[in-house]
Protein backbone atom coordinates (compact mmCIF):
# COMPACT_ATOMS: atom_id res chain seq x y z
CA MET A 1 -15.50 -24.40 -74.76
CA LEU A 2 -19.04 -24.42 -76.00
CA ASN A 3 -18.41 -24.22 -79.78
CA GLY A 4 -15.98 -26.59 -81.47
CA TYR A 5 -16.46 -24.91 -84.83
CA LEU A 6 -14.42 -21.94 -83.66
CA VAL A 7 -11.45 -24.19 -83.06
CA ASN A 8 -11.72 -26.49 -86.06
CA PRO A 9 -13.16 -25.37 -89.46
CA ALA A 10 -13.63 -29.05 -90.44
CA LEU A 11 -16.81 -28.98 -88.25
CA ALA A 12 -18.58 -26.62 -90.67
CA GLY A 13 -21.71 -28.38 -91.90
CA ILE A 14 -21.41 -31.37 -89.61
CA GLU A 15 -25.03 -31.09 -88.43
CA ASN A 16 -28.24 -31.73 -90.43
CA TYR A 17 -29.27 -28.08 -90.16
CA THR A 18 -27.90 -24.56 -90.10
CA ASP A 19 -26.43 -23.90 -86.59
CA LEU A 20 -26.24 -20.31 -85.34
CA LYS A 21 -24.61 -19.47 -82.04
CA MET A 22 -23.75 -16.32 -80.15
CA SER A 23 -21.76 -16.09 -76.92
CA TYR A 24 -20.31 -13.62 -74.48
CA ARG A 25 -17.35 -14.50 -72.25
CA ASN A 26 -16.18 -12.39 -69.27
CA GLN A 27 -12.77 -13.75 -68.22
CA TRP A 28 -11.26 -13.18 -64.81
CA SER A 29 -14.21 -11.04 -63.66
CA GLY A 30 -13.32 -8.46 -61.01
CA LEU A 31 -9.86 -7.82 -62.47
CA ALA A 32 -9.36 -4.42 -64.10
CA GLY A 33 -8.73 -4.67 -67.83
CA ALA A 34 -9.55 -8.39 -67.89
CA PRO A 35 -10.33 -9.99 -71.26
CA SER A 36 -13.89 -10.16 -72.61
CA SER A 37 -15.10 -11.56 -75.90
CA PHE A 38 -18.21 -11.90 -78.04
CA TYR A 39 -18.75 -14.07 -81.10
CA LEU A 40 -21.47 -14.82 -83.59
CA SER A 41 -21.04 -17.96 -85.72
CA VAL A 42 -23.14 -19.79 -88.25
CA HIS A 43 -22.54 -22.90 -90.31
CA GLY A 44 -24.59 -25.48 -92.18
CA PRO A 45 -24.42 -28.38 -94.67
CA LEU A 46 -24.75 -28.40 -98.45
CA ARG A 47 -26.16 -31.43 -100.33
CA LYS A 48 -26.44 -33.55 -97.20
CA ASP A 49 -28.97 -36.38 -97.24
CA ASP A 50 -30.70 -36.30 -93.84
CA ARG A 51 -32.22 -39.69 -94.03
CA SER A 52 -28.96 -41.46 -94.75
CA SER A 53 -26.66 -39.37 -92.56
CA SER A 54 -25.25 -40.24 -89.18
CA ILE A 55 -27.44 -40.00 -86.09
CA ILE A 56 -24.94 -37.71 -84.49
CA SER A 57 -28.08 -35.47 -84.54
CA LEU A 58 -31.11 -37.51 -83.58
CA PRO A 59 -34.67 -36.72 -84.64
CA ALA A 60 -37.24 -35.91 -82.02
CA ARG A 61 -39.83 -38.41 -80.93
CA GLY A 62 -43.25 -38.35 -82.42
CA LYS A 63 -42.48 -36.82 -85.83
CA SER A 64 -43.47 -39.92 -87.76
CA ASN A 65 -43.12 -43.68 -87.63
CA ILE A 66 -40.21 -43.52 -90.06
CA ILE A 67 -38.31 -41.01 -87.97
CA ASN A 68 -39.08 -42.86 -84.72
CA LYS A 69 -37.52 -45.99 -86.25
CA LEU A 70 -34.61 -43.89 -87.34
CA ARG A 71 -34.11 -42.54 -83.86
CA TYR A 72 -33.94 -45.97 -82.16
CA LYS A 73 -32.10 -47.73 -84.95
CA GLU A 74 -28.77 -49.15 -83.71
CA GLU A 75 -26.01 -46.64 -84.39
CA ASN A 76 -23.72 -49.34 -85.82
CA ASP A 77 -26.21 -49.95 -88.62
CA PHE A 78 -25.86 -46.41 -89.91
CA LYS A 79 -23.75 -45.58 -92.95
CA PHE A 80 -22.65 -42.30 -94.50
CA LEU A 81 -23.95 -42.77 -97.98
CA LYS A 82 -22.77 -39.61 -99.68
CA PRO A 83 -20.10 -36.93 -99.29
CA HIS A 84 -21.30 -33.44 -98.45
CA GLN A 85 -19.97 -29.91 -98.02
CA GLY A 86 -20.26 -27.29 -95.34
CA LEU A 87 -20.21 -23.52 -95.31
CA GLY A 88 -19.87 -21.18 -92.36
CA GLY A 89 -18.89 -17.76 -91.08
CA MET A 90 -18.01 -16.03 -87.83
CA ILE A 91 -17.49 -12.60 -86.27
CA ILE A 92 -15.34 -12.41 -83.14
CA SER A 93 -14.70 -9.34 -80.91
CA ASP A 94 -12.09 -9.48 -78.12
CA LYS A 95 -11.03 -6.80 -75.72
CA MET A 96 -8.22 -6.84 -73.14
CA GLY A 97 -7.44 -3.51 -71.52
CA PRO A 98 -6.66 -1.01 -74.31
CA ASN A 99 -6.18 -3.78 -76.84
CA LYS A 100 -9.06 -4.76 -79.20
CA ARG A 101 -9.38 -7.37 -81.90
CA LEU A 102 -12.24 -7.71 -84.37
CA SER A 103 -12.28 -10.70 -86.82
CA ALA A 104 -14.56 -11.68 -89.63
CA ALA A 105 -14.07 -15.01 -91.45
CA VAL A 106 -15.74 -17.60 -93.70
CA SER A 107 -15.26 -21.36 -93.71
CA TYR A 108 -15.54 -24.26 -96.08
CA ALA A 109 -15.43 -28.01 -95.23
CA TYR A 110 -15.71 -31.24 -97.26
CA HIS A 111 -17.00 -34.36 -95.57
CA LEU A 112 -16.01 -37.67 -97.21
CA PRO A 113 -17.29 -41.16 -96.20
CA VAL A 114 -14.46 -43.56 -95.25
CA MET A 115 -13.92 -46.97 -93.63
CA ASN A 116 -16.81 -48.75 -95.43
CA ARG A 117 -18.90 -45.61 -94.98
CA ARG A 118 -19.02 -46.01 -91.17
CA MET A 119 -17.16 -42.79 -90.60
CA LYS A 120 -16.59 -39.46 -92.28
CA LEU A 121 -13.32 -37.56 -92.75
CA SER A 122 -13.78 -33.82 -93.01
CA THR A 123 -11.21 -31.17 -94.01
CA GLY A 124 -11.88 -27.49 -93.64
CA ILE A 125 -10.42 -24.03 -94.03
CA THR A 126 -11.27 -20.67 -92.47
CA ALA A 127 -10.06 -17.42 -94.06
CA GLY A 128 -10.72 -13.90 -92.95
CA LEU A 129 -9.39 -10.54 -91.80
CA THR A 130 -8.61 -9.33 -88.29
CA ARG A 131 -8.42 -5.72 -87.15
CA TYR A 132 -6.02 -5.11 -84.23
CA SER A 133 -6.28 -1.78 -82.45
CA LEU A 134 -4.77 -0.01 -79.44
CA ASN A 135 -6.66 2.77 -77.59
CA ILE A 136 -3.81 4.87 -76.19
CA THR A 137 -6.30 7.07 -74.26
CA GLU A 138 -6.79 4.16 -71.86
CA LEU A 139 -3.06 4.09 -71.06
CA ASP A 140 -1.63 6.07 -68.16
CA PHE A 141 1.95 7.33 -68.80
CA GLY A 142 2.18 9.64 -65.85
CA PRO A 143 2.55 13.46 -65.86
CA GLN A 144 5.29 13.40 -68.55
CA ALA A 145 4.11 11.21 -71.38
CA ASP A 146 6.59 10.25 -74.07
CA PRO A 147 5.86 12.26 -77.26
CA VAL A 148 6.66 9.15 -79.24
CA ILE A 149 3.35 7.70 -78.05
CA SER A 150 1.48 10.19 -80.22
CA GLN A 151 2.94 8.50 -83.30
CA TYR A 152 1.26 5.22 -82.50
CA GLU A 153 -1.30 4.19 -85.11
CA ASN A 154 -4.79 3.18 -84.14
CA ALA A 155 -5.16 -0.09 -85.98
CA ARG A 156 -3.78 -2.70 -88.36
CA LEU A 157 -5.71 -5.06 -90.64
CA LEU A 158 -4.17 -8.51 -91.14
CA PRO A 159 -5.23 -11.66 -93.01
CA GLU A 160 -5.68 -14.93 -91.15
CA ILE A 161 -6.11 -18.58 -92.18
CA SER A 162 -6.94 -21.72 -90.19
CA LEU A 163 -6.90 -25.34 -91.36
CA GLY A 164 -8.48 -28.39 -89.72
CA THR A 165 -9.44 -32.03 -90.18
CA THR A 166 -11.77 -34.31 -88.28
CA LEU A 167 -12.54 -38.01 -88.37
CA TYR A 168 -15.94 -38.79 -86.85
CA GLY A 169 -18.60 -41.45 -86.49
CA SER A 170 -21.75 -42.02 -84.50
CA HIS A 171 -19.85 -42.50 -81.25
CA PHE A 172 -16.55 -40.61 -81.52
CA PHE A 173 -14.47 -37.82 -83.02
CA VAL A 174 -10.73 -37.08 -83.46
CA GLY A 175 -9.63 -33.73 -84.79
CA ALA A 176 -6.57 -31.53 -85.46
CA SER A 177 -6.31 -27.89 -86.51
CA VAL A 178 -3.87 -24.97 -86.75
CA ALA A 179 -4.69 -21.29 -86.56
CA GLN A 180 -2.64 -18.14 -87.18
CA LEU A 181 -1.10 -19.89 -90.21
CA PHE A 182 0.48 -16.69 -91.56
CA GLN A 183 2.36 -15.86 -88.34
CA ASN A 184 1.73 -12.14 -89.04
CA ALA A 185 3.88 -9.44 -87.50
CA LEU A 186 1.98 -6.65 -85.73
CA ASP A 187 3.44 -3.17 -85.25
CA LEU A 188 1.29 -0.24 -84.06
CA SER A 189 4.22 2.07 -83.31
CA GLY A 190 4.00 3.92 -86.65
CA MET A 191 7.73 3.66 -87.07
CA ASN A 192 9.58 1.34 -89.41
CA GLU A 193 11.92 0.29 -86.60
CA GLY A 194 9.19 -0.20 -84.06
CA VAL A 195 8.96 -3.26 -81.86
CA GLN A 196 6.95 -5.95 -83.66
CA GLN A 197 4.80 -8.62 -82.17
CA ARG A 198 4.84 -11.78 -84.28
CA PHE A 199 2.01 -14.23 -83.80
CA SER A 200 2.76 -17.90 -83.36
CA ASN A 201 0.84 -20.79 -84.85
CA HIS A 202 -1.92 -22.20 -82.56
CA TYR A 203 -2.10 -25.98 -82.73
CA PHE A 204 -5.10 -27.98 -81.48
CA LEU A 205 -5.74 -31.69 -81.06
CA SER A 206 -9.09 -33.03 -79.82
CA GLY A 207 -10.85 -36.32 -79.34
CA GLY A 208 -13.82 -37.75 -77.54
CA TYR A 209 -16.08 -40.78 -77.25
CA GLU A 210 -19.77 -41.22 -76.32
CA ILE A 211 -20.59 -44.00 -73.90
CA ARG A 212 -24.26 -44.91 -74.04
CA LEU A 213 -25.83 -45.94 -70.73
CA GLY A 214 -29.17 -47.08 -72.12
CA ARG A 215 -31.42 -44.94 -74.29
CA GLU A 216 -31.66 -42.00 -71.86
CA LEU A 217 -28.19 -41.45 -70.38
CA ALA A 218 -24.75 -40.95 -71.95
CA LEU A 219 -21.26 -39.98 -70.89
CA MET A 220 -18.87 -38.10 -73.16
CA PRO A 221 -15.21 -37.96 -72.05
CA SER A 222 -13.09 -35.76 -74.33
CA VAL A 223 -9.75 -34.00 -74.41
CA LEU A 224 -8.49 -30.78 -76.03
CA VAL A 225 -4.75 -30.12 -76.40
CA LYS A 226 -3.45 -26.65 -77.32
CA TYR A 227 0.06 -25.52 -78.04
CA VAL A 228 1.28 -22.00 -78.82
CA GLN A 229 5.04 -21.39 -78.77
CA PRO A 230 6.69 -20.49 -76.40
CA SER A 231 3.91 -21.26 -73.88
CA PRO A 232 3.74 -24.74 -72.39
CA VAL A 233 1.23 -27.26 -73.75
CA SER A 234 -2.31 -26.80 -72.37
CA VAL A 235 -4.51 -29.85 -71.88
CA ASP A 236 -8.24 -29.78 -71.08
CA PHE A 237 -9.85 -32.93 -69.71
CA ASN A 238 -13.65 -32.92 -70.11
CA LEU A 239 -16.44 -35.11 -68.92
CA LYS A 240 -20.04 -34.41 -69.88
CA ALA A 241 -23.25 -36.32 -69.10
CA SER A 242 -26.53 -36.02 -71.03
CA TYR A 243 -30.10 -37.04 -70.34
CA LEU A 244 -32.35 -37.76 -73.32
CA ARG A 245 -29.74 -35.80 -75.30
CA ARG A 246 -31.50 -32.63 -74.26
CA LEU A 247 -30.17 -31.73 -70.83
CA TRP A 248 -26.39 -31.95 -70.16
CA GLY A 249 -23.82 -30.97 -67.61
CA GLY A 250 -20.15 -31.59 -67.00
CA VAL A 251 -16.78 -30.60 -65.65
CA SER A 252 -13.47 -29.57 -67.30
CA TYR A 253 -10.01 -29.52 -65.91
CA ARG A 254 -7.02 -27.65 -67.40
CA HIS A 255 -3.78 -28.97 -65.95
CA GLN A 256 -2.32 -26.61 -63.33
CA ASN A 257 -4.51 -23.81 -64.60
CA ALA A 258 -8.29 -24.01 -64.16
CA VAL A 259 -11.39 -26.08 -63.43
CA ALA A 260 -14.80 -25.38 -64.96
CA ALA A 261 -18.46 -26.43 -64.63
CA LEU A 262 -20.64 -26.59 -67.68
CA ALA A 263 -24.36 -27.00 -68.18
CA GLY A 264 -26.92 -26.62 -70.99
CA PHE A 265 -30.24 -27.68 -72.39
CA ASN A 266 -32.06 -27.86 -75.68
CA LEU A 267 -35.33 -26.03 -74.97
CA ASN A 268 -36.91 -27.19 -78.22
CA ALA A 269 -35.97 -27.92 -81.80
CA VAL A 270 -35.07 -24.29 -82.39
CA LEU A 271 -33.39 -22.91 -79.19
CA ASN A 272 -30.50 -24.21 -77.06
CA VAL A 273 -28.52 -22.60 -74.22
CA GLY A 274 -25.14 -23.33 -72.62
CA TYR A 275 -23.26 -21.85 -69.68
CA ALA A 276 -19.72 -22.36 -68.33
CA TYR A 277 -18.11 -21.13 -65.09
CA GLU A 278 -14.32 -21.37 -64.89
CA MET A 279 -12.22 -20.91 -61.78
CA ALA A 280 -8.46 -20.56 -61.80
CA THR A 281 -6.46 -23.09 -59.75
CA SER A 282 -3.35 -20.82 -59.69
CA ASN A 283 -2.70 -17.77 -57.54
CA LEU A 284 -4.78 -15.79 -60.02
CA ASN A 285 -7.89 -17.08 -58.22
CA ASN A 286 -7.00 -14.78 -55.32
CA TYR A 287 -7.68 -11.72 -57.47
CA THR A 288 -10.67 -12.67 -59.63
CA HIS A 289 -14.21 -14.00 -59.35
CA GLY A 290 -13.86 -16.57 -62.06
CA SER A 291 -14.78 -16.51 -65.72
CA HIS A 292 -18.29 -16.71 -67.11
CA GLU A 293 -19.51 -17.75 -70.61
CA LEU A 294 -23.08 -17.74 -71.82
CA MET A 295 -23.96 -19.22 -75.21
CA ILE A 296 -27.34 -19.12 -77.02
CA GLY A 297 -27.87 -21.22 -80.08
CA PHE A 298 -30.55 -21.19 -82.80
CA VAL A 299 -31.33 -24.03 -85.19
CA MET A 300 -32.57 -23.16 -88.71
CA GLY A 301 -33.82 -25.45 -91.45
CA ASN A 302 -34.42 -28.20 -88.90
CA THR A 303 -36.49 -30.46 -91.17
CA TYR A 304 -36.59 -33.38 -88.71
CA ARG A 305 -37.09 -31.29 -85.56
CA ILE A 306 -33.70 -32.37 -84.18
CA LYS A 307 -33.29 -31.63 -80.50
CA SER A 308 -29.80 -32.97 -79.94
CA PRO A 309 -27.03 -30.83 -81.51
CA MET A 310 -23.58 -32.29 -81.57
CA TYR A 311 -21.97 -29.38 -79.76
CA TYR A 312 -22.47 -30.82 -76.31
CA ARG A 313 -19.83 -33.43 -77.13
CA TRP A 314 -17.06 -30.98 -77.73
């Protein structure tokens, strides 16, 4: 919700600096065994010309006359002069009851100017390993536990690949990605004939547009569509508003599932913070206190003292 790079590897290197984020999410708080997750991600550009790149990331005021002119230059006058590349990496830890998942992956993306250099088309790949484990000591089998349980193995290590593409300009983005490309089969039973869990592909579609309301205010409607067979399609409708591209807030609605409030600010050219509170709209809300996510971001190699990272649009 606060980091589009996790969903689409084509976003690696989209900014003019190295972007590091860490986040903790406590889902369905108050419910025993509810999911929780932590991630650390970092990505940045290679061979990207800051002065000729899009003003998706705007320089701060007061750096120099050249940069001030760059900041207030009409966005339609900008062109993407050169292709560039992006590199990234992530570590994700998830826990739900006795089940744990630990992932480590690296990403690569290539950003190519298109449409008379008014836009860029990026394509990316994420490849890594995921360790799935089951802590059987957290399971209660009653006074007569099945001896077969003792044969269960602690963990499995499986490869994973994600692919993505994004078309973006100074005002909009449209993206598509697919995760769990290998559709691995997971069996922790320790027996050849054990029951296997086969993972399905995760499909994502996203899009958004920035509506400028003068130099200080902007609205960013966006949508995120997710499909994982055999579950029904999930659609998130989002609306964010930003002030001076430093302070932002918004709402998100997932059809027949949840509603969320989001807020964040860019404290300076190095530190930014985001928070999201999600409340279920189904009967699940009777048993939980909602879901909380806190994200802290750090900007490195910020030559132009940029204070407006792109993540608030996603």
